[in-house]
N, C-alpha and C. Protein backbone atom coordinates (compact mmCIF):
# COMPACT_ATOMS: atom_id res chain seq x y z
N MET A 1 -31.01 8.45 -10.54
CA MET A 1 -29.92 7.92 -9.96
C MET A 1 -28.83 8.77 -10.18
N SER A 2 -28.00 9.24 -9.11
CA SER A 2 -26.93 10.02 -9.33
C SER A 2 -25.65 9.25 -9.83
N LYS A 3 -24.73 9.99 -10.27
CA LYS A 3 -23.47 9.38 -10.66
C LYS A 3 -22.76 8.56 -9.64
N ASP A 4 -22.71 9.12 -8.36
CA ASP A 4 -22.10 8.36 -7.28
C ASP A 4 -22.85 7.04 -7.06
N ASP A 5 -24.13 7.05 -7.13
CA ASP A 5 -25.11 5.96 -6.81
C ASP A 5 -24.77 4.83 -8.05
N LEU A 6 -24.68 5.41 -9.31
CA LEU A 6 -24.34 4.52 -10.25
C LEU A 6 -22.88 3.69 -10.06
N LYS A 7 -21.93 4.66 -9.72
CA LYS A 7 -20.56 4.22 -9.47
C LYS A 7 -20.51 2.99 -8.35
N THR A 8 -21.42 3.20 -7.24
CA THR A 8 -21.54 2.25 -6.25
C THR A 8 -22.18 0.97 -6.74
N LYS A 9 -23.18 1.16 -7.63
CA LYS A 9 -23.92 -0.04 -8.02
C LYS A 9 -22.99 -0.86 -9.02
N MET A 10 -22.17 -0.10 -9.65
CA MET A 10 -21.27 -0.80 -10.68
C MET A 10 -20.23 -1.61 -9.91
N GLU A 11 -19.55 -0.87 -8.85
CA GLU A 11 -18.70 -1.69 -8.04
C GLU A 11 -19.17 -2.82 -7.32
N GLU A 12 -20.41 -2.68 -6.89
CA GLU A 12 -20.96 -3.74 -6.07
C GLU A 12 -21.19 -4.89 -7.15
N SER A 13 -21.75 -4.67 -8.14
CA SER A 13 -22.05 -5.72 -9.38
C SER A 13 -20.67 -6.40 -9.74
N ILE A 14 -19.67 -5.65 -9.95
CA ILE A 14 -18.36 -6.20 -10.52
C ILE A 14 -17.79 -7.07 -9.30
N ASN A 15 -17.86 -6.57 -8.07
CA ASN A 15 -17.44 -7.57 -6.91
C ASN A 15 -18.16 -8.70 -6.78
N GLU A 16 -19.39 -8.69 -7.03
CA GLU A 16 -20.35 -9.77 -7.05
C GLU A 16 -19.99 -10.88 -8.09
N TRP A 17 -19.75 -10.24 -9.23
CA TRP A 17 -19.43 -11.09 -10.45
C TRP A 17 -18.12 -11.89 -10.24
N ARG A 18 -17.07 -10.98 -9.72
CA ARG A 18 -15.79 -11.64 -9.38
C ARG A 18 -15.98 -12.85 -8.40
N LYS A 19 -16.63 -12.65 -7.38
CA LYS A 19 -16.88 -13.74 -6.44
C LYS A 19 -17.53 -15.05 -7.10
N GLU A 20 -18.49 -14.74 -7.95
CA GLU A 20 -19.07 -15.66 -8.75
C GLU A 20 -18.07 -16.51 -9.61
N LEU A 21 -17.29 -15.68 -10.24
CA LEU A 21 -16.17 -16.16 -11.14
C LEU A 21 -15.25 -17.17 -10.39
N VAL A 22 -14.82 -16.62 -9.22
CA VAL A 22 -13.99 -17.45 -8.44
C VAL A 22 -14.59 -18.74 -8.01
N GLY A 23 -15.89 -18.75 -7.72
CA GLY A 23 -16.63 -19.95 -7.40
C GLY A 23 -16.72 -20.98 -8.47
N LEU A 24 -16.95 -20.24 -9.69
CA LEU A 24 -17.13 -21.19 -11.00
C LEU A 24 -15.71 -21.75 -11.34
N MET A 25 -14.71 -21.00 -11.24
CA MET A 25 -13.35 -21.62 -11.38
C MET A 25 -12.81 -22.60 -10.47
N SER A 26 -13.30 -22.47 -9.15
CA SER A 26 -12.98 -23.50 -8.12
C SER A 26 -13.81 -24.89 -8.36
N ARG A 27 -14.76 -24.73 -9.14
CA ARG A 27 -15.52 -25.89 -9.30
C ARG A 27 -15.19 -26.66 -10.54
N SER A 28 -14.34 -26.04 -11.34
CA SER A 28 -13.95 -26.49 -12.72
C SER A 28 -13.53 -27.99 -12.57
N ASP A 29 -12.68 -28.42 -11.80
CA ASP A 29 -12.19 -29.72 -11.61
C ASP A 29 -13.19 -30.71 -11.35
N SER A 30 -14.15 -30.39 -10.65
CA SER A 30 -15.25 -31.40 -10.20
C SER A 30 -16.37 -31.45 -11.26
N ILE A 31 -16.29 -30.77 -12.32
CA ILE A 31 -17.40 -30.65 -13.30
C ILE A 31 -17.26 -32.09 -14.20
N PRO A 32 -18.30 -32.71 -14.36
CA PRO A 32 -18.19 -34.04 -15.27
C PRO A 32 -17.75 -33.52 -16.67
N GLU A 33 -17.03 -34.44 -17.31
CA GLU A 33 -16.44 -34.09 -18.57
C GLU A 33 -17.62 -33.73 -19.61
N HIS A 34 -18.64 -34.21 -19.61
CA HIS A 34 -19.75 -33.83 -20.55
C HIS A 34 -20.33 -32.46 -20.34
N LYS A 35 -20.09 -31.91 -19.25
CA LYS A 35 -20.48 -30.64 -18.93
C LYS A 35 -19.44 -29.50 -18.88
N LYS A 36 -18.21 -29.94 -19.14
CA LYS A 36 -17.14 -29.03 -19.04
C LYS A 36 -17.20 -27.88 -20.04
N GLN A 37 -17.53 -28.16 -21.29
CA GLN A 37 -17.73 -27.25 -22.27
C GLN A 37 -18.52 -25.93 -21.89
N GLY A 38 -19.87 -26.40 -21.37
CA GLY A 38 -20.74 -25.39 -20.97
C GLY A 38 -20.21 -24.60 -19.84
N HIS A 39 -19.50 -25.24 -18.86
CA HIS A 39 -19.03 -24.64 -17.68
C HIS A 39 -17.96 -23.57 -18.17
N LEU A 40 -17.12 -23.93 -19.12
CA LEU A 40 -15.94 -23.09 -19.54
C LEU A 40 -16.66 -21.83 -20.19
N GLU A 41 -17.76 -22.04 -20.98
CA GLU A 41 -18.35 -21.00 -21.58
C GLU A 41 -19.03 -20.06 -20.73
N GLU A 42 -19.50 -20.62 -19.57
CA GLU A 42 -19.94 -19.71 -18.54
C GLU A 42 -18.89 -18.87 -17.89
N ILE A 43 -17.81 -19.33 -17.72
CA ILE A 43 -16.71 -18.65 -17.08
C ILE A 43 -16.20 -17.64 -18.18
N LYS A 44 -16.09 -18.00 -19.36
CA LYS A 44 -15.76 -16.99 -20.42
C LYS A 44 -16.70 -15.92 -20.52
N THR A 45 -18.00 -16.17 -20.29
CA THR A 45 -19.05 -15.19 -20.53
C THR A 45 -18.93 -14.17 -19.36
N LEU A 46 -18.79 -14.78 -18.20
CA LEU A 46 -18.60 -13.80 -16.91
C LEU A 46 -17.28 -13.05 -16.92
N GLU A 47 -16.30 -13.63 -17.56
CA GLU A 47 -15.10 -12.83 -17.68
C GLU A 47 -15.29 -11.65 -18.53
N ARG A 48 -15.89 -11.99 -19.71
CA ARG A 48 -16.23 -10.71 -20.62
C ARG A 48 -17.14 -9.72 -20.03
N LYS A 49 -18.10 -10.18 -19.24
CA LYS A 49 -18.98 -9.26 -18.56
C LYS A 49 -18.34 -8.36 -17.62
N ILE A 50 -17.29 -8.90 -16.91
CA ILE A 50 -16.63 -8.29 -15.87
C ILE A 50 -15.78 -7.24 -16.58
N GLU A 51 -15.07 -7.65 -17.69
CA GLU A 51 -14.18 -6.67 -18.50
C GLU A 51 -15.06 -5.51 -19.03
N GLU A 52 -16.30 -5.84 -19.62
CA GLU A 52 -16.98 -4.70 -20.04
C GLU A 52 -17.62 -3.90 -18.98
N ALA A 53 -17.79 -4.32 -17.79
CA ALA A 53 -18.23 -3.62 -16.66
C ALA A 53 -17.21 -2.57 -16.19
N LYS A 54 -15.92 -3.22 -16.24
CA LYS A 54 -14.73 -2.29 -15.90
C LYS A 54 -14.58 -1.23 -16.77
N VAL A 55 -14.82 -1.38 -18.05
CA VAL A 55 -14.71 -0.29 -19.03
C VAL A 55 -15.82 0.73 -18.82
N LYS A 56 -16.93 0.27 -18.60
CA LYS A 56 -18.04 1.22 -18.37
C LYS A 56 -17.88 1.99 -17.15
N ALA A 57 -17.32 1.46 -15.99
CA ALA A 57 -16.95 2.15 -14.79
C ALA A 57 -15.91 3.18 -15.04
N THR A 58 -14.86 2.67 -15.89
CA THR A 58 -13.82 3.82 -16.12
C THR A 58 -14.44 4.95 -16.89
N GLU A 59 -15.35 4.58 -17.81
CA GLU A 59 -15.90 5.65 -18.60
C GLU A 59 -16.63 6.55 -17.77
N LEU A 60 -17.47 5.90 -16.85
CA LEU A 60 -18.27 6.81 -15.78
C LEU A 60 -17.29 7.69 -14.97
N ASN A 61 -16.25 7.13 -14.44
CA ASN A 61 -15.34 7.95 -13.63
C ASN A 61 -14.67 9.04 -14.41
N ASN A 62 -14.39 8.92 -15.70
CA ASN A 62 -13.82 9.81 -16.47
C ASN A 62 -14.79 10.90 -17.17
N SER A 63 -16.07 10.54 -17.04
CA SER A 63 -17.06 11.68 -17.51
C SER A 63 -17.13 12.80 -16.61
N PRO A 64 -17.21 13.98 -17.29
CA PRO A 64 -17.27 15.29 -16.45
C PRO A 64 -18.62 15.29 -15.63
N ASP A 65 -18.41 15.70 -14.44
CA ASP A 65 -19.72 15.81 -13.47
C ASP A 65 -20.72 16.76 -13.96
N ASN A 66 -20.25 17.77 -14.64
CA ASN A 66 -21.13 18.78 -15.28
C ASN A 66 -21.99 18.39 -16.42
N GLN A 67 -21.62 17.22 -16.99
CA GLN A 67 -22.27 16.56 -18.08
C GLN A 67 -23.15 15.47 -17.71
N TRP A 68 -23.12 15.24 -16.50
CA TRP A 68 -23.86 13.79 -16.03
C TRP A 68 -25.23 13.76 -16.48
N GLU A 69 -26.06 14.81 -16.36
CA GLU A 69 -27.27 14.80 -16.69
C GLU A 69 -27.63 14.42 -18.08
N SER A 70 -26.79 14.83 -19.03
CA SER A 70 -26.97 14.53 -20.40
C SER A 70 -26.37 13.01 -20.75
N LEU A 71 -25.55 12.60 -19.96
CA LEU A 71 -24.96 11.15 -20.17
C LEU A 71 -25.69 10.21 -19.40
N LYS A 72 -26.50 10.56 -18.31
CA LYS A 72 -27.04 9.54 -17.43
C LYS A 72 -27.86 8.41 -18.20
N GLU A 73 -28.69 8.86 -19.10
CA GLU A 73 -29.68 7.79 -19.59
C GLU A 73 -28.79 6.85 -20.43
N GLY A 74 -27.79 7.35 -21.11
CA GLY A 74 -26.95 6.37 -21.87
C GLY A 74 -26.27 5.28 -20.88
N PHE A 75 -25.71 5.99 -19.94
CA PHE A 75 -25.00 4.95 -18.76
C PHE A 75 -25.96 4.03 -18.27
N ASN A 76 -26.95 4.47 -17.93
CA ASN A 76 -28.06 3.52 -17.18
C ASN A 76 -28.47 2.53 -18.09
N ASN A 77 -28.73 2.87 -19.37
CA ASN A 77 -29.28 1.82 -20.29
C ASN A 77 -28.15 0.75 -20.55
N ALA A 78 -26.85 1.28 -20.87
CA ALA A 78 -25.73 0.39 -21.09
C ALA A 78 -25.56 -0.50 -19.98
N TRP A 79 -25.64 -0.02 -18.66
CA TRP A 79 -25.47 -0.86 -17.43
C TRP A 79 -26.50 -1.83 -17.39
N ASP A 80 -27.72 -1.37 -17.54
CA ASP A 80 -28.89 -2.36 -17.41
C ASP A 80 -28.83 -3.43 -18.46
N SER A 81 -28.33 -3.10 -19.61
CA SER A 81 -28.29 -4.23 -20.72
C SER A 81 -27.05 -5.12 -20.35
N LEU A 82 -26.00 -4.64 -19.67
CA LEU A 82 -24.94 -5.53 -19.34
C LEU A 82 -25.30 -6.49 -18.22
N VAL A 83 -26.00 -5.83 -17.09
CA VAL A 83 -26.46 -6.63 -15.91
C VAL A 83 -27.51 -7.76 -16.45
N ASN A 84 -28.27 -7.48 -17.36
CA ASN A 84 -29.35 -8.39 -17.70
C ASN A 84 -28.95 -9.57 -18.64
N ARG A 85 -27.61 -9.60 -19.00
CA ARG A 85 -27.27 -10.60 -19.92
C ARG A 85 -27.14 -11.98 -19.27
């Protein structure tokens, strides 16, 4: 996967998670009281995931193009780990 491909993949995932977060937040008022804690934890987890993804995307953008081959595996592994949480 090229650096540009990974950037695109990251942007798409972050946008998808943001949409998911908006949906979760919009349903907060309709969640039964006994399920609210779990719902709030799900929101917090997704917020952390988005923030971590934004940090990784910034790191990728700031990485030198001429060093991409040596950095590629680390970025791919970190991204896969984040996505699969």
